Amino acid sequence: MKGKLFVLSGPSGVGKNTILNRVIAASDHVRYSVSATSRQSRPGEVDGSSYYFVTRERFEEMIAQDELLEYAEYVGNYYGTPLAPIREAMKDGFDIVMDVEVIGAKKIKARVPEAVLVFVAASSLDAVRQRLIARGDVSPEAMEERLKRAVWECSQAEGYDYIVLNDDVDHAVRELRAIMVAEKCKTVERIHLLKEEF
């Protein structure tokens, strides 16, 4: 069975990567889509695993050569999704999960209508602020910019297929896994099995 593409969005600091890492660790048929970015790496991030870290010039080459499923500029840096690795993994039956900001998610849905969009929300704007503070890598100026962005991003959530509230990570992980199972059980995904057996 062909894999499915699951696209997560949500404000910076809401816990998307934590949720995705747990889902991937619990499933041998789920892979993370590694995005490319022109931003500098943070401590602990690994090129090719956390992101493909490229120069702004290289990123613009990737855009010109149509190598990206989507891309956007966010807080002065490019972020985008290389297309070839996703196509290959899905053809091999792997579900692909990815963390993409709102504009990019809409572009993916337009290009790949069967993609499943999941918005991850915090219980409040203050919860987002506290998570960003706890991360310790956001300046006061960037904090206000990210919080303004978070308000706008939450206003876009109604365009998503699902919303997961991350007020408890374990619960959020269970909800995302349930969404993934439900999507694989949809009639359009399973009807060929019935036709073959009956």
N, C-alpha and C. Protein backbone atom coordinates (compact mmCIF):
# COMPACT_ATOMS: atom_id res chain seq x y z
N MET A 1 0.85 -1.19 0.00
CA MET A 1 0.00 0.00 0.00
C MET A 1 0.89 1.24 0.00
N LYS A 2 0.53 2.20 -0.83
CA LYS A 2 1.29 3.45 -0.91
C LYS A 2 1.18 4.22 0.41
N GLY A 3 2.26 4.89 0.79
CA GLY A 3 2.25 5.69 2.01
C GLY A 3 1.45 6.97 1.84
N LYS A 4 1.17 7.62 2.96
CA LYS A 4 0.45 8.88 2.97
C LYS A 4 1.35 9.98 3.50
N LEU A 5 1.00 11.20 3.15
CA LEU A 5 1.75 12.38 3.58
C LEU A 5 0.96 13.12 4.64
N PHE A 6 1.54 13.28 5.83
CA PHE A 6 0.92 13.99 6.95
C PHE A 6 1.73 15.25 7.25
N VAL A 7 1.06 16.39 7.18
CA VAL A 7 1.72 17.69 7.31
C VAL A 7 1.27 18.35 8.61
N LEU A 8 2.21 18.59 9.53
CA LEU A 8 1.91 19.26 10.79
C LEU A 8 2.34 20.72 10.72
N SER A 9 1.49 21.58 11.23
CA SER A 9 1.81 23.00 11.38
C SER A 9 1.41 23.43 12.77
N GLY A 10 1.89 24.59 13.16
CA GLY A 10 1.53 25.15 14.46
C GLY A 10 2.57 26.17 14.87
N PRO A 11 2.26 26.97 15.87
CA PRO A 11 3.20 28.01 16.29
C PRO A 11 4.55 27.46 16.74
N SER A 12 5.57 28.26 16.57
CA SER A 12 6.90 27.91 17.07
C SER A 12 6.81 27.68 18.58
N GLY A 13 7.38 26.56 19.04
CA GLY A 13 7.37 26.26 20.46
C GLY A 13 6.18 25.43 20.92
N VAL A 14 5.29 25.03 20.00
CA VAL A 14 4.09 24.30 20.41
C VAL A 14 4.36 22.81 20.63
N GLY A 15 5.51 22.33 20.19
CA GLY A 15 5.87 20.93 20.46
C GLY A 15 5.71 19.98 19.28
N LYS A 16 5.69 20.51 18.08
CA LYS A 16 5.49 19.66 16.89
C LYS A 16 6.58 18.60 16.77
N ASN A 17 7.83 19.00 16.93
CA ASN A 17 8.93 18.03 16.77
C ASN A 17 8.91 16.96 17.85
N THR A 18 8.55 17.32 19.06
CA THR A 18 8.45 16.34 20.14
C THR A 18 7.40 15.28 19.80
N ILE A 19 6.25 15.73 19.31
CA ILE A 19 5.18 14.81 18.93
C ILE A 19 5.64 13.91 17.78
N LEU A 20 6.22 14.52 16.75
CA LEU A 20 6.66 13.74 15.59
C LEU A 20 7.72 12.73 15.97
N ASN A 21 8.67 13.12 16.80
CA ASN A 21 9.74 12.19 17.20
C ASN A 21 9.17 10.98 17.92
N ARG A 22 8.17 11.18 18.76
CA ARG A 22 7.56 10.04 19.47
C ARG A 22 6.77 9.14 18.54
N VAL A 23 6.06 9.74 17.59
CA VAL A 23 5.30 8.93 16.63
C VAL A 23 6.25 8.09 15.78
N ILE A 24 7.33 8.68 15.33
CA ILE A 24 8.30 7.96 14.52
C ILE A 24 8.95 6.84 15.32
N ALA A 25 9.30 7.11 16.57
CA ALA A 25 9.95 6.10 17.41
C ALA A 25 9.04 4.89 17.64
N ALA A 26 7.72 5.11 17.62
CA ALA A 26 6.77 4.03 17.89
C ALA A 26 6.32 3.30 16.62
N SER A 27 6.79 3.72 15.45
CA SER A 27 6.31 3.15 14.19
C SER A 27 7.47 2.87 13.26
N ASP A 28 7.50 1.68 12.69
CA ASP A 28 8.59 1.37 11.76
C ASP A 28 8.22 1.69 10.31
N HIS A 29 7.00 2.16 10.06
CA HIS A 29 6.59 2.51 8.70
C HIS A 29 6.38 4.02 8.52
N VAL A 30 6.87 4.81 9.49
CA VAL A 30 6.72 6.27 9.41
C VAL A 30 8.11 6.90 9.34
N ARG A 31 8.26 7.82 8.41
CA ARG A 31 9.53 8.54 8.26
C ARG A 31 9.30 10.03 8.32
N TYR A 32 10.30 10.71 8.81
CA TYR A 32 10.25 12.17 8.90
C TYR A 32 10.79 12.76 7.62
N SER A 33 10.09 13.72 7.08
CA SER A 33 10.58 14.45 5.92
C SER A 33 11.55 15.52 6.40
N VAL A 34 12.76 15.46 5.94
CA VAL A 34 13.77 16.44 6.35
C VAL A 34 13.64 17.66 5.45
N SER A 35 13.43 18.81 6.05
CA SER A 35 13.31 20.06 5.31
C SER A 35 14.68 20.67 5.06
N ALA A 36 14.71 21.55 4.08
CA ALA A 36 15.91 22.35 3.84
C ALA A 36 15.67 23.75 4.40
N THR A 37 16.73 24.40 4.86
CA THR A 37 16.61 25.76 5.36
C THR A 37 17.89 26.54 5.11
N SER A 38 17.72 27.84 4.99
CA SER A 38 18.88 28.71 4.83
C SER A 38 19.34 29.29 6.17
N ARG A 39 18.65 28.94 7.27
CA ARG A 39 19.06 29.47 8.57
C ARG A 39 20.26 28.70 9.12
N GLN A 40 20.93 29.30 10.11
CA GLN A 40 22.05 28.63 10.77
C GLN A 40 21.53 27.51 11.67
N SER A 41 22.34 26.49 11.83
CA SER A 41 21.93 25.38 12.70
C SER A 41 22.00 25.81 14.16
N ARG A 42 21.13 25.20 14.98
CA ARG A 42 21.13 25.43 16.43
C ARG A 42 21.96 24.34 17.09
N PRO A 43 22.40 24.56 18.32
CA PRO A 43 23.17 23.52 19.02
C PRO A 43 22.41 22.20 19.05
N GLY A 44 23.10 21.12 18.68
CA GLY A 44 22.49 19.79 18.69
C GLY A 44 21.85 19.37 17.39
N GLU A 45 21.61 20.32 16.48
CA GLU A 45 21.02 19.97 15.20
C GLU A 45 22.08 19.38 14.27
N VAL A 46 21.65 18.41 13.46
CA VAL A 46 22.57 17.68 12.58
C VAL A 46 22.13 17.87 11.14
N ASP A 47 23.06 18.28 10.28
CA ASP A 47 22.77 18.46 8.86
C ASP A 47 22.36 17.12 8.25
N GLY A 48 21.24 17.13 7.51
CA GLY A 48 20.75 15.91 6.87
C GLY A 48 19.81 15.11 7.74
N SER A 49 19.73 15.46 9.00
CA SER A 49 18.83 14.78 9.92
C SER A 49 17.83 15.77 10.50
N SER A 50 18.32 16.85 11.10
CA SER A 50 17.43 17.89 11.61
C SER A 50 16.87 18.71 10.45
N TYR A 51 17.75 19.16 9.61
CA TYR A 51 17.45 19.91 8.38
C TYR A 51 18.59 19.66 7.40
N TYR A 52 18.35 19.99 6.14
CA TYR A 52 19.45 20.17 5.20
C TYR A 52 19.79 21.66 5.29
N PHE A 53 20.93 21.97 5.87
CA PHE A 53 21.34 23.37 6.02
C PHE A 53 22.09 23.79 4.76
N VAL A 54 21.52 24.76 4.04
CA VAL A 54 22.12 25.22 2.79
C VAL A 54 22.24 26.74 2.81
N THR A 55 23.05 27.25 1.92
CA THR A 55 23.17 28.71 1.82
C THR A 55 21.90 29.27 1.18
N ARG A 56 21.70 30.56 1.34
CA ARG A 56 20.56 31.21 0.70
C ARG A 56 20.65 31.06 -0.83
N GLU A 57 21.88 31.15 -1.36
CA GLU A 57 22.07 31.01 -2.80
C GLU A 57 21.68 29.61 -3.29
N ARG A 58 22.09 28.58 -2.54
CA ARG A 58 21.75 27.20 -2.92
C ARG A 58 20.24 26.98 -2.84
N PHE A 59 19.61 27.56 -1.81
CA PHE A 59 18.16 27.41 -1.68
C PHE A 59 17.46 28.02 -2.89
N GLU A 60 17.93 29.17 -3.33
CA GLU A 60 17.31 29.82 -4.49
C GLU A 60 17.53 29.00 -5.76
N GLU A 61 18.64 28.28 -5.86
CA GLU A 61 18.85 27.35 -6.97
C GLU A 61 17.81 26.22 -6.92
N MET A 62 17.55 25.70 -5.71
CA MET A 62 16.56 24.63 -5.56
C MET A 62 15.17 25.11 -5.99
N ILE A 63 14.84 26.35 -5.67
CA ILE A 63 13.56 26.92 -6.10
C ILE A 63 13.51 26.98 -7.63
N ALA A 64 14.56 27.51 -8.23
CA ALA A 64 14.59 27.68 -9.69
C ALA A 64 14.51 26.35 -10.43
N GLN A 65 15.05 25.29 -9.84
CA GLN A 65 15.06 23.98 -10.48
C GLN A 65 13.86 23.11 -10.11
N ASP A 66 12.88 23.71 -9.40
CA ASP A 66 11.64 23.02 -9.01
C ASP A 66 11.92 21.74 -8.23
N GLU A 67 12.89 21.80 -7.32
CA GLU A 67 13.27 20.64 -6.51
C GLU A 67 12.48 20.56 -5.20
N LEU A 68 11.60 21.54 -4.95
CA LEU A 68 10.92 21.62 -3.66
C LEU A 68 9.42 21.42 -3.81
N LEU A 69 8.85 20.66 -2.88
CA LEU A 69 7.40 20.49 -2.83
C LEU A 69 6.74 21.81 -2.45
N GLU A 70 7.37 22.51 -1.55
CA GLU A 70 6.91 23.83 -1.11
C GLU A 70 8.09 24.56 -0.51
N TYR A 71 7.95 25.86 -0.38
CA TYR A 71 8.95 26.63 0.34
C TYR A 71 8.32 27.95 0.77
N ALA A 72 8.91 28.56 1.76
CA ALA A 72 8.45 29.86 2.23
C ALA A 72 9.60 30.55 2.94
N GLU A 73 9.47 31.85 3.08
CA GLU A 73 10.44 32.61 3.86
C GLU A 73 9.79 32.94 5.20
N TYR A 74 10.47 32.64 6.27
CA TYR A 74 9.92 32.81 7.62
C TYR A 74 10.99 33.45 8.50
N VAL A 75 10.69 34.59 9.06
CA VAL A 75 11.59 35.34 9.95
C VAL A 75 12.97 35.48 9.30
N GLY A 76 12.99 35.82 8.00
CA GLY A 76 14.24 36.12 7.32
C GLY A 76 15.00 34.94 6.75
N ASN A 77 14.46 33.73 6.87
CA ASN A 77 15.14 32.55 6.34
C ASN A 77 14.19 31.73 5.48
N TYR A 78 14.76 31.03 4.50
CA TYR A 78 13.98 30.11 3.68
C TYR A 78 13.83 28.76 4.39
N TYR A 79 12.65 28.16 4.20
CA TYR A 79 12.39 26.78 4.63
C TYR A 79 11.66 26.10 3.48
N GLY A 80 12.00 24.85 3.20
CA GLY A 80 11.32 24.16 2.11
C GLY A 80 11.48 22.66 2.21
N THR A 81 10.73 21.96 1.37
CA THR A 81 10.67 20.49 1.43
C THR A 81 11.16 19.88 0.12
N PRO A 82 12.32 19.22 0.13
CA PRO A 82 12.78 18.52 -1.08
C PRO A 82 11.78 17.43 -1.47
N LEU A 83 11.42 17.38 -2.75
CA LEU A 83 10.35 16.52 -3.23
C LEU A 83 10.77 15.08 -3.49
N ALA A 84 11.92 14.86 -4.08
CA ALA A 84 12.31 13.51 -4.52
C ALA A 84 12.32 12.48 -3.39
N PRO A 85 12.89 12.77 -2.20
CA PRO A 85 12.90 11.76 -1.14
C PRO A 85 11.50 11.37 -0.65
N ILE A 86 10.57 12.32 -0.69
CA ILE A 86 9.19 12.04 -0.26
C ILE A 86 8.52 11.08 -1.24
N ARG A 87 8.63 11.38 -2.51
CA ARG A 87 8.00 10.53 -3.53
C ARG A 87 8.50 9.09 -3.43
N GLU A 88 9.80 8.94 -3.27
CA GLU A 88 10.38 7.60 -3.22
C GLU A 88 9.91 6.82 -1.99
N ALA A 89 9.92 7.48 -0.83
CA ALA A 89 9.51 6.80 0.40
C ALA A 89 8.04 6.40 0.36
N MET A 90 7.17 7.27 -0.15
CA MET A 90 5.74 6.95 -0.24
C MET A 90 5.50 5.79 -1.20
N LYS A 91 6.23 5.77 -2.30
CA LYS A 91 6.11 4.68 -3.27
C LYS A 91 6.47 3.35 -2.61
N ASP A 92 7.42 3.40 -1.66
CA ASP A 92 7.85 2.19 -0.95
C ASP A 92 6.95 1.84 0.23
N GLY A 93 5.84 2.58 0.43
CA GLY A 93 4.87 2.25 1.46
C GLY A 93 5.05 2.95 2.79
N PHE A 94 5.96 3.90 2.87
CA PHE A 94 6.19 4.62 4.12
C PHE A 94 5.26 5.82 4.21
N ASP A 95 4.70 6.05 5.42
CA ASP A 95 4.00 7.30 5.68
C ASP A 95 5.06 8.35 5.97
N ILE A 96 4.86 9.54 5.45
CA ILE A 96 5.79 10.64 5.65
C ILE A 96 5.12 11.68 6.53
N VAL A 97 5.83 12.11 7.57
CA VAL A 97 5.35 13.19 8.43
C VAL A 97 6.30 14.36 8.29
N MET A 98 5.74 15.54 8.33
CA MET A 98 6.57 16.72 8.18
C MET A 98 6.03 17.89 8.98
N ASP A 99 6.93 18.77 9.35
CA ASP A 99 6.63 19.98 10.11
C ASP A 99 6.82 21.15 9.15
N VAL A 100 5.70 21.79 8.77
CA VAL A 100 5.74 22.85 7.78
C VAL A 100 4.89 24.02 8.28
N GLU A 101 5.36 25.24 8.06
CA GLU A 101 4.56 26.38 8.49
C GLU A 101 3.31 26.51 7.62
N VAL A 102 2.39 27.36 8.03
CA VAL A 102 1.04 27.41 7.46
C VAL A 102 1.03 27.68 5.96
N ILE A 103 1.81 28.64 5.49
CA ILE A 103 1.80 28.96 4.07
C ILE A 103 2.28 27.75 3.26
N GLY A 104 3.33 27.11 3.74
CA GLY A 104 3.84 25.92 3.06
C GLY A 104 2.83 24.79 3.04
N ALA A 105 2.11 24.61 4.13
CA ALA A 105 1.11 23.54 4.21
C ALA A 105 0.02 23.75 3.16
N LYS A 106 -0.41 24.98 2.99
CA LYS A 106 -1.44 25.27 1.98
C LYS A 106 -0.92 24.98 0.58
N LYS A 107 0.34 25.28 0.32
CA LYS A 107 0.94 24.99 -0.99
C LYS A 107 1.00 23.48 -1.22
N ILE A 108 1.34 22.73 -0.18
CA ILE A 108 1.39 21.27 -0.30
C ILE A 108 0.01 20.72 -0.62
N LYS A 109 -1.01 21.18 0.10
CA LYS A 109 -2.38 20.70 -0.13
C LYS A 109 -2.84 21.00 -1.55
N ALA A 110 -2.44 22.14 -2.09
CA ALA A 110 -2.82 22.49 -3.46
C ALA A 110 -2.12 21.57 -4.46
N ARG A 111 -0.87 21.21 -4.17
CA ARG A 111 -0.10 20.38 -5.10
C ARG A 111 -0.36 18.89 -4.89
N VAL A 112 -0.62 18.49 -3.63
CA VAL A 112 -0.88 17.09 -3.29
C VAL A 112 -2.19 17.06 -2.49
N PRO A 113 -3.35 17.04 -3.18
CA PRO A 113 -4.64 17.14 -2.48
C PRO A 113 -4.89 16.06 -1.44
N GLU A 114 -4.27 14.87 -1.62
CA GLU A 114 -4.48 13.79 -0.65
C GLU A 114 -3.64 13.95 0.61
N ALA A 115 -2.78 14.96 0.67
CA ALA A 115 -2.01 15.22 1.89
C ALA A 115 -2.97 15.52 3.04
N VAL A 116 -2.62 15.07 4.24
CA VAL A 116 -3.46 15.27 5.43
C VAL A 116 -2.83 16.37 6.28
N LEU A 117 -3.57 17.47 6.48
CA LEU A 117 -3.06 18.61 7.24
C LEU A 117 -3.53 18.53 8.70
N VAL A 118 -2.56 18.61 9.62
CA VAL A 118 -2.85 18.55 11.05
C VAL A 118 -2.26 19.80 11.71
N PHE A 119 -3.10 20.57 12.38
CA PHE A 119 -2.64 21.76 13.09
C PHE A 119 -2.44 21.42 14.56
N VAL A 120 -1.25 21.72 15.09
CA VAL A 120 -0.95 21.48 16.50
C VAL A 120 -1.05 22.81 17.25
N ALA A 121 -1.92 22.84 18.24
CA ALA A 121 -2.17 24.07 18.99
C ALA A 121 -1.81 23.89 20.46
N ALA A 122 -1.45 24.99 21.09
CA ALA A 122 -1.26 25.02 22.54
C ALA A 122 -2.57 25.45 23.18
N SER A 123 -2.66 25.31 24.48
CA SER A 123 -3.90 25.67 25.18
C SER A 123 -4.11 27.19 25.24
N SER A 124 -3.02 27.97 25.11
CA SER A 124 -3.14 29.42 25.16
C SER A 124 -1.88 30.06 24.58
N LEU A 125 -1.97 31.36 24.31
CA LEU A 125 -0.80 32.10 23.83
C LEU A 125 0.28 32.15 24.91
N ASP A 126 -0.14 32.22 26.16
CA ASP A 126 0.83 32.23 27.25
C ASP A 126 1.60 30.91 27.32
N ALA A 127 0.93 29.81 26.99
CA ALA A 127 1.62 28.51 26.98
C ALA A 127 2.70 28.50 25.91
N VAL A 128 2.42 29.12 24.74
CA VAL A 128 3.43 29.22 23.69
C VAL A 128 4.60 30.07 24.18
N ARG A 129 4.30 31.20 24.84
CA ARG A 129 5.36 32.08 25.37
C ARG A 129 6.24 31.32 26.36
N GLN A 130 5.65 30.57 27.26
CA GLN A 130 6.43 29.83 28.26
C GLN A 130 7.31 28.77 27.62
N ARG A 131 6.81 28.12 26.58
CA ARG A 131 7.62 27.10 25.89
C ARG A 131 8.80 27.74 25.17
N LEU A 132 8.57 28.91 24.56
CA LEU A 132 9.67 29.61 23.89
C LEU A 132 10.72 30.08 24.89
N ILE A 133 10.27 30.55 26.05
CA ILE A 133 11.20 30.97 27.10
C ILE A 133 12.02 29.78 27.57
N ALA A 134 11.35 28.64 27.77
CA ALA A 134 12.04 27.43 28.24
C ALA A 134 13.07 26.94 27.23
N ARG A 135 12.82 27.16 25.95
CA ARG A 135 13.78 26.76 24.92
C ARG A 135 15.08 27.53 25.05
N GLY A 136 14.98 28.79 25.45
CA GLY A 136 16.17 29.59 25.74
C GLY A 136 16.94 30.09 24.53
N ASP A 137 16.38 29.98 23.33
CA ASP A 137 17.11 30.41 22.14
C ASP A 137 16.40 31.53 21.38
N VAL A 138 15.46 32.21 22.06
CA VAL A 138 14.67 33.25 21.41
C VAL A 138 14.89 34.58 22.11
N SER A 139 15.38 35.57 21.37
CA SER A 139 15.60 36.91 21.93
C SER A 139 14.26 37.57 22.22
N PRO A 140 14.25 38.60 23.09
CA PRO A 140 12.98 39.30 23.37
C PRO A 140 12.33 39.88 22.11
N GLU A 141 13.14 40.39 21.18
CA GLU A 141 12.59 40.94 19.95
C GLU A 141 11.95 39.83 19.11
N ALA A 142 12.66 38.73 18.97
CA ALA A 142 12.14 37.60 18.20
C ALA A 142 10.92 37.00 18.88
N MET A 143 10.89 37.04 20.22
CA MET A 143 9.75 36.50 20.97
C MET A 143 8.46 37.19 20.55
N GLU A 144 8.46 38.51 20.52
CA GLU A 144 7.24 39.24 20.17
C GLU A 144 6.84 38.95 18.73
N GLU A 145 7.83 38.84 17.84
CA GLU A 145 7.53 38.53 16.45
C GLU A 145 6.91 37.14 16.33
N ARG A 146 7.44 36.18 17.08
CA ARG A 146 6.91 34.81 17.02
C ARG A 146 5.51 34.72 17.63
N LEU A 147 5.26 35.49 18.68
CA LEU A 147 3.93 35.46 19.29
C LEU A 147 2.88 36.09 18.36
N LYS A 148 3.26 37.17 17.68
CA LYS A 148 2.34 37.76 16.70
C LYS A 148 2.05 36.76 15.59
N ARG A 149 3.10 36.09 15.17
CA ARG A 149 2.95 35.08 14.12
C ARG A 149 2.04 33.94 14.61
N ALA A 150 2.19 33.55 15.89
CA ALA A 150 1.38 32.46 16.45
C ALA A 150 -0.11 32.80 16.41
N VAL A 151 -0.44 34.05 16.71
CA VAL A 151 -1.84 34.47 16.67
C VAL A 151 -2.39 34.31 15.26
N TRP A 152 -1.61 34.76 14.26
CA TRP A 152 -2.05 34.62 12.87
C TRP A 152 -2.17 33.15 12.47
N GLU A 153 -1.17 32.35 12.84
CA GLU A 153 -1.19 30.93 12.48
C GLU A 153 -2.44 30.24 13.04
N CYS A 154 -2.78 30.53 14.28
CA CYS A 154 -3.97 29.91 14.89
C CYS A 154 -5.24 30.32 14.15
N SER A 155 -5.24 31.51 13.57
CA SER A 155 -6.42 31.95 12.80
C SER A 155 -6.59 31.15 11.51
N GLN A 156 -5.55 30.44 11.10
CA GLN A 156 -5.59 29.65 9.87
C GLN A 156 -5.96 28.18 10.12
N ALA A 157 -6.11 27.78 11.37
CA ALA A 157 -6.30 26.37 11.71
C ALA A 157 -7.56 25.76 11.12
N GLU A 158 -8.58 26.57 10.86
CA GLU A 158 -9.82 26.00 10.35
C GLU A 158 -9.67 25.44 8.94
N GLY A 159 -8.59 25.76 8.26
CA GLY A 159 -8.34 25.21 6.93
C GLY A 159 -7.67 23.85 6.96
N TYR A 160 -7.43 23.31 8.16
CA TYR A 160 -6.74 22.02 8.31
C TYR A 160 -7.75 20.88 8.43
N ASP A 161 -7.28 19.66 8.16
CA ASP A 161 -8.16 18.49 8.27
C ASP A 161 -8.40 18.10 9.73
N TYR A 162 -7.39 18.32 10.58
CA TYR A 162 -7.48 17.95 12.00
C TYR A 162 -6.76 19.01 12.84
N ILE A 163 -7.19 19.12 14.10
CA ILE A 163 -6.48 19.95 15.09
C ILE A 163 -6.16 19.07 16.30
N VAL A 164 -4.88 19.08 16.69
CA VAL A 164 -4.42 18.36 17.88
C VAL A 164 -4.02 19.40 18.91
N LEU A 165 -4.63 19.32 20.10
CA LEU A 165 -4.29 20.24 21.19
C LEU A 165 -3.17 19.62 22.02
N ASN A 166 -2.03 20.28 22.05
CA ASN A 166 -0.88 19.74 22.79
C ASN A 166 -0.80 20.37 24.18
N ASP A 167 -1.76 20.02 25.04
CA ASP A 167 -1.64 20.41 26.45
C ASP A 167 -1.07 19.26 27.27
N ASP A 168 -0.94 18.09 26.64
CA ASP A 168 -0.30 16.92 27.24
C ASP A 168 0.33 16.14 26.08
N VAL A 169 1.65 16.00 26.10
CA VAL A 169 2.36 15.41 24.96
C VAL A 169 1.89 13.98 24.68
N ASP A 170 1.74 13.16 25.72
CA ASP A 170 1.31 11.77 25.50
C ASP A 170 -0.04 11.71 24.80
N HIS A 171 -0.96 12.56 25.23
CA HIS A 171 -2.28 12.60 24.62
C HIS A 171 -2.19 13.08 23.16
N ALA A 172 -1.37 14.09 22.92
CA ALA A 172 -1.20 14.62 21.56
C ALA A 172 -0.63 13.55 20.63
N VAL A 173 0.32 12.77 21.13
CA VAL A 173 0.90 11.68 20.34
C VAL A 173 -0.17 10.64 20.01
N ARG A 174 -0.98 10.27 21.00
CA ARG A 174 -2.05 9.29 20.75
C ARG A 174 -3.03 9.81 19.70
N GLU A 175 -3.35 11.10 19.78
CA GLU A 175 -4.29 11.67 18.81
C GLU A 175 -3.70 11.63 17.40
N LEU A 176 -2.44 12.00 17.24
CA LEU A 176 -1.84 11.98 15.91
C LEU A 176 -1.78 10.55 15.37
N ARG A 177 -1.43 9.59 16.21
CA ARG A 177 -1.38 8.20 15.75
C ARG A 177 -2.78 7.71 15.34
N ALA A 178 -3.80 8.13 16.08
CA ALA A 178 -5.17 7.76 15.74
C ALA A 178 -5.58 8.35 14.38
N ILE A 179 -5.18 9.59 14.14
CA ILE A 179 -5.46 10.23 12.85
C ILE A 179 -4.81 9.44 11.72
N MET A 180 -3.57 9.03 11.93
CA MET A 180 -2.84 8.30 10.90
C MET A 180 -3.50 6.96 10.59
N VAL A 181 -3.95 6.26 11.63
CA VAL A 181 -4.64 4.98 11.43
C VAL A 181 -5.96 5.21 10.71
N ALA A 182 -6.72 6.20 11.14
CA ALA A 182 -8.02 6.48 10.52
C ALA A 182 -7.86 6.79 9.03
N GLU A 183 -6.85 7.56 8.70
CA GLU A 183 -6.64 7.92 7.29
C GLU A 183 -6.32 6.69 6.45
N LYS A 184 -5.60 5.73 7.00
CA LYS A 184 -5.28 4.52 6.25
C LYS A 184 -6.48 3.58 6.12
N CYS A 185 -7.51 3.78 6.95
CA CYS A 185 -8.70 2.93 6.91
C CYS A 185 -9.84 3.53 6.08
N LYS A 186 -9.64 4.70 5.51
CA LYS A 186 -10.68 5.32 4.70
C LYS A 186 -11.04 4.42 3.52
N THR A 187 -12.28 4.52 3.09
CA THR A 187 -12.77 3.68 2.01
C THR A 187 -11.87 3.76 0.79
N VAL A 188 -11.47 4.96 0.41
CA VAL A 188 -10.65 5.12 -0.78
C VAL A 188 -9.32 4.36 -0.66
N GLU A 189 -8.83 4.16 0.57
CA GLU A 189 -7.58 3.45 0.78
C GLU A 189 -7.76 1.94 0.80
N ARG A 190 -8.95 1.47 1.18
CA ARG A 190 -9.15 0.04 1.42
C ARG A 190 -10.04 -0.67 0.39
N ILE A 191 -10.77 0.05 -0.43
CA ILE A 191 -11.77 -0.57 -1.29
C ILE A 191 -11.15 -1.60 -2.23
N HIS A 192 -9.92 -1.38 -2.63
CA HIS A 192 -9.28 -2.34 -3.55
C HIS A 192 -9.09 -3.70 -2.88
N LEU A 193 -8.92 -3.72 -1.55
CA LEU A 193 -8.79 -5.00 -0.85
C LEU A 193 -10.07 -5.81 -0.94
N LEU A 194 -11.21 -5.16 -0.77
CA LEU A 194 -12.49 -5.84 -0.87
C LEU A 194 -12.72 -6.36 -2.28
N LYS A 195 -12.34 -5.57 -3.26
CA LYS A 195 -12.53 -5.99 -4.66
C LYS A 195 -11.67 -7.21 -4.98
N GLU A 196 -10.49 -7.27 -4.39
CA GLU A 196 -9.61 -8.41 -4.63
C GLU A 196 -10.12 -9.68 -3.93
N GLU A 197 -10.66 -9.52 -2.71
CA GLU A 197 -11.07 -10.68 -1.90
C GLU A 197 -12.49 -11.16 -2.23
N PHE A 198 -13.36 -10.29 -2.71
CA PHE A 198 -14.75 -10.67 -2.94
C PHE A 198 -15.09 -10.52 -4.41
